[in-house]
Amino acid sequence: MLKHHKTPVGAPANVNSPGDILTDEQAAALLAVEPRTLRLWRHTRGLPHMKITSKIIRYRRADLDAWLDRARTVISS
Protein backbone atom coordinates (compact mmCIF):
# COMPACT_ATOMS: atom_id res chain seq x y z
CA MET A 1 0.00 0.00 0.00
CA LEU A 2 1.32 3.45 -0.88
CA LYS A 3 1.64 5.98 1.89
CA HIS A 4 0.36 9.48 1.25
CA HIS A 5 2.85 12.10 2.44
CA LYS A 6 1.41 15.34 3.69
CA THR A 7 3.29 18.48 4.59
CA PRO A 8 2.92 18.92 8.37
CA VAL A 9 1.07 22.02 9.51
CA GLY A 10 3.55 24.87 9.87
CA ALA A 11 6.20 23.13 7.77
CA PRO A 12 7.53 25.03 4.78
CA ALA A 13 5.96 23.89 1.53
CA ASN A 14 7.64 23.72 -1.84
CA VAL A 15 6.98 27.20 -3.23
CA ASN A 16 8.69 26.91 -6.58
CA SER A 17 5.63 27.10 -8.81
CA PRO A 18 4.36 30.57 -9.82
CA GLY A 19 0.80 29.39 -9.13
CA ASP A 20 1.52 28.51 -5.51
CA ILE A 21 -0.68 30.02 -2.81
CA LEU A 22 1.42 30.92 0.24
CA THR A 23 0.74 31.48 3.92
CA ASP A 24 2.27 34.40 5.85
CA GLU A 25 5.11 32.17 7.01
CA GLN A 26 5.86 30.84 3.52
CA ALA A 27 5.72 34.29 1.91
CA ALA A 28 7.93 35.73 4.65
CA ALA A 29 10.48 32.94 4.13
CA LEU A 30 10.42 33.52 0.37
CA LEU A 31 11.06 37.25 0.88
CA ALA A 32 13.52 36.66 3.77
CA VAL A 33 11.59 38.86 6.20
CA GLU A 34 9.57 38.36 9.37
CA PRO A 35 5.84 37.66 8.94
CA ARG A 36 5.01 40.94 10.72
CA THR A 37 6.91 42.79 7.97
CA LEU A 38 4.38 41.48 5.45
CA ARG A 39 1.60 43.25 7.36
CA LEU A 40 3.51 46.52 7.18
CA TRP A 41 4.27 46.08 3.48
CA ARG A 42 0.61 45.27 2.70
CA HIS A 43 -0.37 48.67 4.11
CA THR A 44 2.59 50.82 3.06
CA ARG A 45 4.07 49.26 -0.09
CA GLY A 46 1.11 47.63 -1.76
CA LEU A 47 2.24 44.04 -1.24
CA PRO A 48 -0.28 41.96 -3.24
CA HIS A 49 -2.36 39.60 -1.13
CA MET A 50 -5.72 37.84 -0.93
CA LYS A 51 -7.91 38.30 2.12
CA ILE A 52 -9.67 34.96 2.59
CA THR A 53 -11.31 35.96 5.90
CA SER A 54 -10.69 38.83 8.29
CA LYS A 55 -7.77 36.88 9.77
CA ILE A 56 -6.57 34.67 6.92
CA ILE A 57 -4.27 36.25 4.34
CA ARG A 58 -2.70 34.38 1.43
CA TYR A 59 -0.22 35.35 -1.27
CA ARG A 60 0.09 34.13 -4.84
CA ARG A 61 3.72 33.35 -5.69
CA ALA A 62 3.41 34.90 -9.18
CA ASP A 63 2.06 38.15 -7.64
CA LEU A 64 5.01 38.35 -5.25
CA ASP A 65 7.47 37.71 -8.08
CA ALA A 66 5.88 40.49 -10.17
CA TRP A 67 5.87 42.85 -7.16
CA LEU A 68 9.57 42.18 -6.62
CA ASP A 69 10.31 42.82 -10.30
CA ARG A 70 8.53 46.22 -10.11
CA ALA A 71 10.47 47.12 -6.95
CA ARG A 72 13.86 46.18 -8.42
CA THR A 73 16.43 48.99 -8.62
CA VAL A 74 18.83 48.82 -11.50
CA ILE A 75 22.29 50.22 -10.82
CA SER A 76 24.14 51.40 -13.88
CA SER A 77 27.68 52.61 -14.13
C-alpha atoms as a PDB file:
ATOM      1  CA  MET A   1       0.000   0.000   0.000  1.00  0.00           C
ATOM      2  CA  LEU A   2       1.316   3.453  -0.878  1.00  0.00           C
ATOM      3  CA  LYS A   3       1.637   5.982   1.894  1.00  0.00           C
ATOM      4  CA  HIS A   4       0.364   9.484   1.249  1.00  0.00           C
ATOM      5  CA  HIS A   5       2.848  12.101   2.436  1.00  0.00           C
ATOM      6  CA  LYS A   6       1.405  15.343   3.688  1.00  0.00           C
ATOM      7  CA  THR A   7       3.293  18.481   4.591  1.00  0.00           C
ATOM      8  CA  PRO A   8       2.925  18.920   8.366  1.00  0.00           C
ATOM      9  CA  VAL A   9       1.071  22.025   9.508  1.00  0.00           C
ATOM     10  CA  GLY A  10       3.548  24.871   9.872  1.00  0.00           C
ATOM     11  CA  ALA A  11       6.201  23.133   7.768  1.00  0.00           C
ATOM     12  CA  PRO A  12       7.525  25.028   4.781  1.00  0.00           C
ATOM     13  CA  ALA A  13       5.962  23.895   1.528  1.00  0.00           C
ATOM     14  CA  ASN A  14       7.644  23.722  -1.838  1.00  0.00           C
ATOM     15  CA  VAL A  15       6.984  27.199  -3.232  1.00  0.00           C
ATOM     16  CA  ASN A  16       8.691  26.907  -6.585  1.00  0.00           C
ATOM     17  CA  SER A  17       5.625  27.098  -8.811  1.00  0.00           C
ATOM     18  CA  PRO A  18       4.362  30.573  -9.816  1.00  0.00           C
ATOM     19  CA  GLY A  19       0.798  29.391  -9.126  1.00  0.00           C
ATOM     20  CA  ASP A  20       1.518  28.509  -5.505  1.00  0.00           C
ATOM     21  CA  ILE A  21      -0.676  30.024  -2.814  1.00  0.00           C
ATOM     22  CA  LEU A  22       1.423  30.916   0.239  1.00  0.00           C
ATOM     23  CA  THR A  23       0.743  31.478   3.923  1.00  0.00           C
ATOM     24  CA  ASP A  24       2.273  34.396   5.846  1.00  0.00           C
ATOM     25  CA  GLU A  25       5.114  32.165   7.009  1.00  0.00           C
ATOM     26  CA  GLN A  26       5.859  30.842   3.523  1.00  0.00           C
ATOM     27  CA  ALA A  27       5.718  34.292   1.908  1.00  0.00           C
ATOM     28  CA  ALA A  28       7.931  35.727   4.654  1.00  0.00           C
ATOM     29  CA  ALA A  29      10.480  32.935   4.132  1.00  0.00           C
ATOM     30  CA  LEU A  30      10.417  33.521   0.370  1.00  0.00           C
ATOM     31  CA  LEU A  31      11.057  37.248   0.876  1.00  0.00           C
ATOM     32  CA  ALA A  32      13.515  36.659   3.766  1.00  0.00           C
ATOM     33  CA  VAL A  33      11.585  38.860   6.201  1.00  0.00           C
ATOM     34  CA  GLU A  34       9.573  38.361   9.372  1.00  0.00           C
ATOM     35  CA  PRO A  35       5.839  37.665   8.937  1.00  0.00           C
ATOM     36  CA  ARG A  36       5.013  40.942  10.717  1.00  0.00           C
ATOM     37  CA  THR A  37       6.912  42.788   7.973  1.00  0.00           C
ATOM     38  CA  LEU A  38       4.381  41.484   5.452  1.00  0.00           C
ATOM     39  CA  ARG A  39       1.600  43.245   7.362  1.00  0.00           C
ATOM     40  CA  LEU A  40       3.506  46.523   7.178  1.00  0.00           C
ATOM     41  CA  TRP A  41       4.265  46.075   3.476  1.00  0.00           C
ATOM     42  CA  ARG A  42       0.608  45.273   2.697  1.00  0.00           C
ATOM     43  CA  HIS A  43      -0.365  48.671   4.107  1.00  0.00           C
ATOM     44  CA  THR A  44       2.593  50.817   3.062  1.00  0.00           C
ATOM     45  CA  ARG A  45       4.074  49.262  -0.085  1.00  0.00           C
ATOM     46  CA  GLY A  46       1.106  47.626  -1.763  1.00  0.00           C
ATOM     47  CA  LEU A  47       2.242  44.038  -1.236  1.00  0.00           C
ATOM     48  CA  PRO A  48      -0.276  41.961  -3.237  1.00  0.00           C
ATOM     49  CA  HIS A  49      -2.360  39.598  -1.131  1.00  0.00           C
ATOM     50  CA  MET A  50      -5.716  37.836  -0.926  1.00  0.00           C
ATOM     51  CA  LYS A  51      -7.912  38.304   2.117  1.00  0.00           C
ATOM     52  CA  ILE A  52      -9.673  34.962   2.592  1.00  0.00           C
ATOM     53  CA  THR A  53     -11.315  35.964   5.896  1.00  0.00           C
ATOM     54  CA  SER A  54     -10.695  38.825   8.291  1.00  0.00           C
ATOM     55  CA  LYS A  55      -7.769  36.876   9.773  1.00  0.00           C
ATOM     56  CA  ILE A  56      -6.571  34.666   6.918  1.00  0.00           C
ATOM     57  CA  ILE A  57      -4.269  36.245   4.339  1.00  0.00           C
ATOM     58  CA  ARG A  58      -2.700  34.379   1.431  1.00  0.00           C
ATOM     59  CA  TYR A  59      -0.218  35.352  -1.266  1.00  0.00           C
ATOM     60  CA  ARG A  60       0.085  34.126  -4.843  1.00  0.00           C
ATOM     61  CA  ARG A  61       3.721  33.350  -5.694  1.00  0.00           C
ATOM     62  CA  ALA A  62       3.411  34.897  -9.177  1.00  0.00           C
ATOM     63  CA  ASP A  63       2.058  38.146  -7.645  1.00  0.00           C
ATOM     64  CA  LEU A  64       5.014  38.351  -5.249  1.00  0.00           C
ATOM     65  CA  ASP A  65       7.471  37.713  -8.084  1.00  0.00           C
ATOM     66  CA  ALA A  66       5.882  40.491 -10.172  1.00  0.00           C
ATOM     67  CA  TRP A  67       5.872  42.848  -7.163  1.00  0.00           C
ATOM     68  CA  LEU A  68       9.574  42.181  -6.621  1.00  0.00           C
ATOM     69  CA  ASP A  69      10.307  42.816 -10.296  1.00  0.00           C
ATOM     70  CA  ARG A  70       8.533  46.218 -10.107  1.00  0.00           C
ATOM     71  CA  ALA A  71      10.471  47.118  -6.949  1.00  0.00           C
ATOM     72  CA  ARG A  72      13.860  46.183  -8.423  1.00  0.00           C
ATOM     73  CA  THR A  73      16.431  48.985  -8.616  1.00  0.00           C
ATOM     74  CA  VAL A  74      18.830  48.819 -11.501  1.00  0.00           C
ATOM     75  CA  ILE A  75      22.289  50.219 -10.816  1.00  0.00           C
ATOM     76  CA  SER A  76      24.136  51.395 -13.885  1.00  0.00           C
ATOM     77  CA  SER A  77      27.683  52.607 -14.126  1.00  0.00           C
END
